[in-house]
């Protein structure tokens, strides 16, 4: 059976909640493997790591560490880093 990798990119609280539901669904279907990337947009314990634990999200394969800039600057750097 062929296995597909789905990359999920998260960086803010609403995305963590949505990603948790998707991660659970992907985990039940053995056709898929998930690779989670954290942009670092909201990276502190209360805004990030606690959500991973509470929502059962897989540990990120990468944390881009992009934060503290304007929305446009962060978006540009995220696109560059993901590319």
N, C-alpha and C. Protein backbone atom coordinates (compact mmCIF):
# COMPACT_ATOMS: atom_id res chain seq x y z
N UNK A 1 0.85 -1.18 0.00
CA UNK A 1 0.00 0.00 0.00
C UNK A 1 0.89 1.25 0.00
N UNK A 2 0.55 2.19 -0.84
CA UNK A 2 1.29 3.44 -0.92
C UNK A 2 0.90 4.34 0.26
N UNK A 3 1.89 5.01 0.85
CA UNK A 3 1.64 5.89 1.98
C UNK A 3 1.93 7.33 1.56
N UNK A 4 1.05 8.22 1.90
CA UNK A 4 1.16 9.64 1.56
C UNK A 4 1.50 10.44 2.81
N UNK A 5 2.36 11.45 2.65
CA UNK A 5 2.69 12.33 3.77
C UNK A 5 1.93 13.64 3.59
N UNK A 6 1.22 14.00 4.64
CA UNK A 6 0.49 15.27 4.69
C UNK A 6 1.27 16.20 5.60
N UNK A 7 1.58 17.40 5.12
CA UNK A 7 2.26 18.39 5.95
C UNK A 7 1.23 19.37 6.48
N UNK A 8 1.18 19.48 7.79
CA UNK A 8 0.29 20.41 8.46
C UNK A 8 1.14 21.54 9.02
N UNK A 9 0.74 22.79 8.75
CA UNK A 9 1.50 23.95 9.21
C UNK A 9 0.62 24.73 10.17
N UNK A 10 1.15 24.96 11.38
CA UNK A 10 0.41 25.68 12.41
C UNK A 10 1.28 26.76 13.01
N UNK A 11 0.63 27.76 13.60
CA UNK A 11 1.39 28.83 14.23
C UNK A 11 0.61 29.62 15.25
N UNK A 12 -0.72 29.49 15.26
CA UNK A 12 -1.55 30.26 16.18
C UNK A 12 -2.64 29.36 16.75
N UNK A 13 -3.20 29.76 17.88
CA UNK A 13 -4.17 28.94 18.61
C UNK A 13 -5.30 28.37 17.75
N UNK A 14 -5.99 29.15 16.93
CA UNK A 14 -7.08 28.55 16.14
C UNK A 14 -6.59 27.42 15.23
N UNK A 15 -5.37 27.56 14.73
CA UNK A 15 -4.81 26.52 13.86
C UNK A 15 -4.52 25.24 14.65
N UNK A 16 -4.10 25.38 15.90
CA UNK A 16 -3.83 24.20 16.72
C UNK A 16 -5.09 23.38 16.91
N UNK A 17 -6.19 24.06 17.18
CA UNK A 17 -7.47 23.37 17.41
C UNK A 17 -7.91 22.65 16.14
N UNK A 18 -7.83 23.32 15.01
CA UNK A 18 -8.22 22.69 13.74
C UNK A 18 -7.29 21.54 13.39
N UNK A 19 -5.99 21.73 13.62
CA UNK A 19 -5.02 20.69 13.30
C UNK A 19 -5.22 19.45 14.16
N UNK A 20 -5.65 19.61 15.39
CA UNK A 20 -5.86 18.46 16.28
C UNK A 20 -6.91 17.52 15.71
N UNK A 21 -8.00 18.08 15.20
CA UNK A 21 -9.06 17.25 14.61
C UNK A 21 -8.53 16.53 13.36
N UNK A 22 -7.77 17.22 12.55
CA UNK A 22 -7.21 16.62 11.34
C UNK A 22 -6.18 15.56 11.70
N UNK A 23 -5.35 15.82 12.68
CA UNK A 23 -4.32 14.85 13.09
C UNK A 23 -4.95 13.55 13.56
N UNK A 24 -6.04 13.64 14.33
CA UNK A 24 -6.73 12.44 14.80
C UNK A 24 -7.27 11.64 13.61
N UNK A 25 -7.84 12.31 12.64
CA UNK A 25 -8.38 11.63 11.46
C UNK A 25 -7.27 10.98 10.65
N UNK A 26 -6.17 11.68 10.47
CA UNK A 26 -5.05 11.13 9.70
C UNK A 26 -4.44 9.92 10.40
N UNK A 27 -4.38 9.96 11.73
CA UNK A 27 -3.79 8.86 12.49
C UNK A 27 -4.59 7.57 12.35
N UNK A 28 -5.89 7.69 12.05
CA UNK A 28 -6.74 6.51 11.92
C UNK A 28 -6.65 5.88 10.54
N UNK A 29 -6.12 6.59 9.57
CA UNK A 29 -6.03 6.08 8.21
C UNK A 29 -4.56 5.79 7.89
N UNK A 30 -4.21 4.53 7.79
CA UNK A 30 -2.81 4.14 7.63
C UNK A 30 -2.22 4.47 6.25
N UNK A 31 -3.02 5.06 5.38
CA UNK A 31 -2.49 5.53 4.10
C UNK A 31 -1.67 6.81 4.27
N UNK A 32 -1.88 7.48 5.42
CA UNK A 32 -1.29 8.80 5.60
C UNK A 32 -0.32 8.85 6.77
N UNK A 33 0.72 9.63 6.59
CA UNK A 33 1.63 10.01 7.66
C UNK A 33 1.56 11.53 7.73
N UNK A 34 1.63 12.07 8.92
CA UNK A 34 1.55 13.52 9.06
C UNK A 34 2.91 14.08 9.49
N UNK A 35 3.28 15.17 8.88
CA UNK A 35 4.47 15.93 9.26
C UNK A 35 3.98 17.31 9.67
N UNK A 36 4.15 17.66 10.93
CA UNK A 36 3.65 18.92 11.45
C UNK A 36 4.80 19.93 11.52
N UNK A 37 4.56 21.12 11.00
CA UNK A 37 5.54 22.21 11.06
C UNK A 37 4.93 23.35 11.87
N UNK A 38 5.68 23.81 12.85
CA UNK A 38 5.26 24.94 13.68
C UNK A 38 5.99 26.17 13.18
N UNK A 39 5.26 27.22 12.85
CA UNK A 39 5.91 28.43 12.34
C UNK A 39 6.66 29.19 13.42
N UNK A 40 6.27 28.98 14.68
CA UNK A 40 6.88 29.71 15.78
C UNK A 40 6.19 31.03 16.04
N UNK A 41 5.13 31.31 15.30
CA UNK A 41 4.42 32.58 15.39
C UNK A 41 4.03 32.92 16.82
N UNK A 42 3.45 31.98 17.55
CA UNK A 42 3.10 32.17 18.95
C UNK A 42 3.83 31.11 19.75
N UNK A 43 5.10 31.34 19.99
CA UNK A 43 5.84 30.30 20.69
C UNK A 43 6.21 30.71 22.09
N UNK A 44 5.39 30.35 22.99
CA UNK A 44 5.72 30.30 24.41
C UNK A 44 4.84 29.20 24.97
N UNK A 45 5.12 28.76 26.17
CA UNK A 45 4.44 27.59 26.70
C UNK A 45 2.92 27.74 26.67
N UNK A 46 2.42 28.88 27.16
CA UNK A 46 0.97 29.04 27.27
C UNK A 46 0.28 29.18 25.92
N UNK A 47 1.00 29.61 24.91
CA UNK A 47 0.39 29.82 23.60
C UNK A 47 0.65 28.66 22.64
N UNK A 48 1.51 27.74 23.00
CA UNK A 48 1.89 26.73 22.02
C UNK A 48 2.01 25.35 22.63
N UNK A 49 3.06 25.12 23.39
CA UNK A 49 3.35 23.77 23.86
C UNK A 49 2.19 23.16 24.64
N UNK A 50 1.53 23.98 25.45
CA UNK A 50 0.40 23.44 26.22
C UNK A 50 -0.72 22.97 25.29
N UNK A 51 -0.91 23.64 24.15
CA UNK A 51 -1.93 23.20 23.20
C UNK A 51 -1.55 21.87 22.56
N UNK A 52 -0.28 21.70 22.27
CA UNK A 52 0.16 20.42 21.70
C UNK A 52 -0.17 19.29 22.67
N UNK A 53 0.12 19.50 23.93
CA UNK A 53 -0.13 18.46 24.93
C UNK A 53 -1.63 18.23 25.13
N UNK A 54 -2.36 19.29 25.37
CA UNK A 54 -3.79 19.17 25.68
C UNK A 54 -4.59 18.63 24.50
N UNK A 55 -4.21 18.99 23.30
CA UNK A 55 -4.96 18.57 22.12
C UNK A 55 -4.43 17.28 21.50
N UNK A 56 -3.33 16.77 22.02
CA UNK A 56 -2.77 15.53 21.50
C UNK A 56 -2.14 15.66 20.13
N UNK A 57 -1.63 16.84 19.83
CA UNK A 57 -0.96 17.05 18.54
C UNK A 57 0.40 16.35 18.55
N UNK A 58 0.82 15.82 17.40
CA UNK A 58 2.15 15.23 17.34
C UNK A 58 3.22 16.31 17.51
N UNK A 59 4.37 15.92 18.00
CA UNK A 59 5.47 16.88 18.13
C UNK A 59 5.83 17.41 16.75
N UNK A 60 6.13 18.70 16.65
CA UNK A 60 6.49 19.26 15.34
C UNK A 60 7.79 18.65 14.81
N UNK A 61 7.80 18.40 13.51
CA UNK A 61 9.02 17.95 12.85
C UNK A 61 10.00 19.11 12.74
N UNK A 62 9.47 20.32 12.71
CA UNK A 62 10.30 21.52 12.61
C UNK A 62 9.59 22.69 13.26
N UNK A 63 10.38 23.58 13.86
CA UNK A 63 9.86 24.84 14.37
C UNK A 63 10.65 25.93 13.66
N UNK A 64 9.96 26.73 12.87
CA UNK A 64 10.62 27.75 12.06
C UNK A 64 11.11 28.93 12.89
N UNK A 65 10.57 29.11 14.09
CA UNK A 65 11.03 30.17 14.97
C UNK A 65 10.81 31.57 14.45
N UNK A 66 9.74 31.77 13.70
CA UNK A 66 9.46 33.07 13.10
C UNK A 66 8.40 33.77 13.93
N UNK A 67 8.79 34.83 14.62
CA UNK A 67 7.84 35.56 15.46
C UNK A 67 8.34 36.98 15.67
N UNK A 68 7.47 37.81 16.23
CA UNK A 68 7.86 39.15 16.62
C UNK A 68 8.01 40.16 15.50
N UNK A 69 7.50 39.84 14.33
CA UNK A 69 7.58 40.76 13.19
C UNK A 69 6.18 41.18 12.77
N UNK A 70 6.08 42.04 11.79
CA UNK A 70 4.76 42.38 11.25
C UNK A 70 4.18 41.14 10.58
N UNK A 71 2.88 41.12 10.38
CA UNK A 71 2.23 39.97 9.74
C UNK A 71 2.82 39.70 8.36
N UNK A 72 3.04 40.75 7.59
CA UNK A 72 3.59 40.59 6.24
C UNK A 72 4.99 40.01 6.26
N UNK A 73 5.83 40.53 7.15
CA UNK A 73 7.21 40.04 7.25
C UNK A 73 7.23 38.58 7.69
N UNK A 74 6.39 38.23 8.69
CA UNK A 74 6.35 36.83 9.14
C UNK A 74 5.85 35.91 8.04
N UNK A 75 4.83 36.34 7.32
CA UNK A 75 4.29 35.51 6.24
C UNK A 75 5.35 35.26 5.17
N UNK A 76 6.07 36.30 4.79
CA UNK A 76 7.13 36.16 3.80
C UNK A 76 8.21 35.20 4.25
N UNK A 77 8.63 35.33 5.49
CA UNK A 77 9.69 34.43 6.01
C UNK A 77 9.20 33.00 6.15
N UNK A 78 7.92 32.84 6.51
CA UNK A 78 7.37 31.49 6.61
C UNK A 78 7.36 30.81 5.25
N UNK A 79 6.93 31.56 4.25
CA UNK A 79 6.89 30.99 2.89
C UNK A 79 8.30 30.61 2.44
N UNK A 80 9.27 31.46 2.69
CA UNK A 80 10.66 31.15 2.34
C UNK A 80 11.15 29.90 3.06
N UNK A 81 10.88 29.81 4.35
CA UNK A 81 11.37 28.68 5.15
C UNK A 81 10.70 27.37 4.74
N UNK A 82 9.43 27.41 4.41
CA UNK A 82 8.70 26.20 4.01
C UNK A 82 9.15 25.74 2.64
N UNK A 83 9.43 26.71 1.78
CA UNK A 83 9.89 26.38 0.43
C UNK A 83 11.18 25.62 0.47
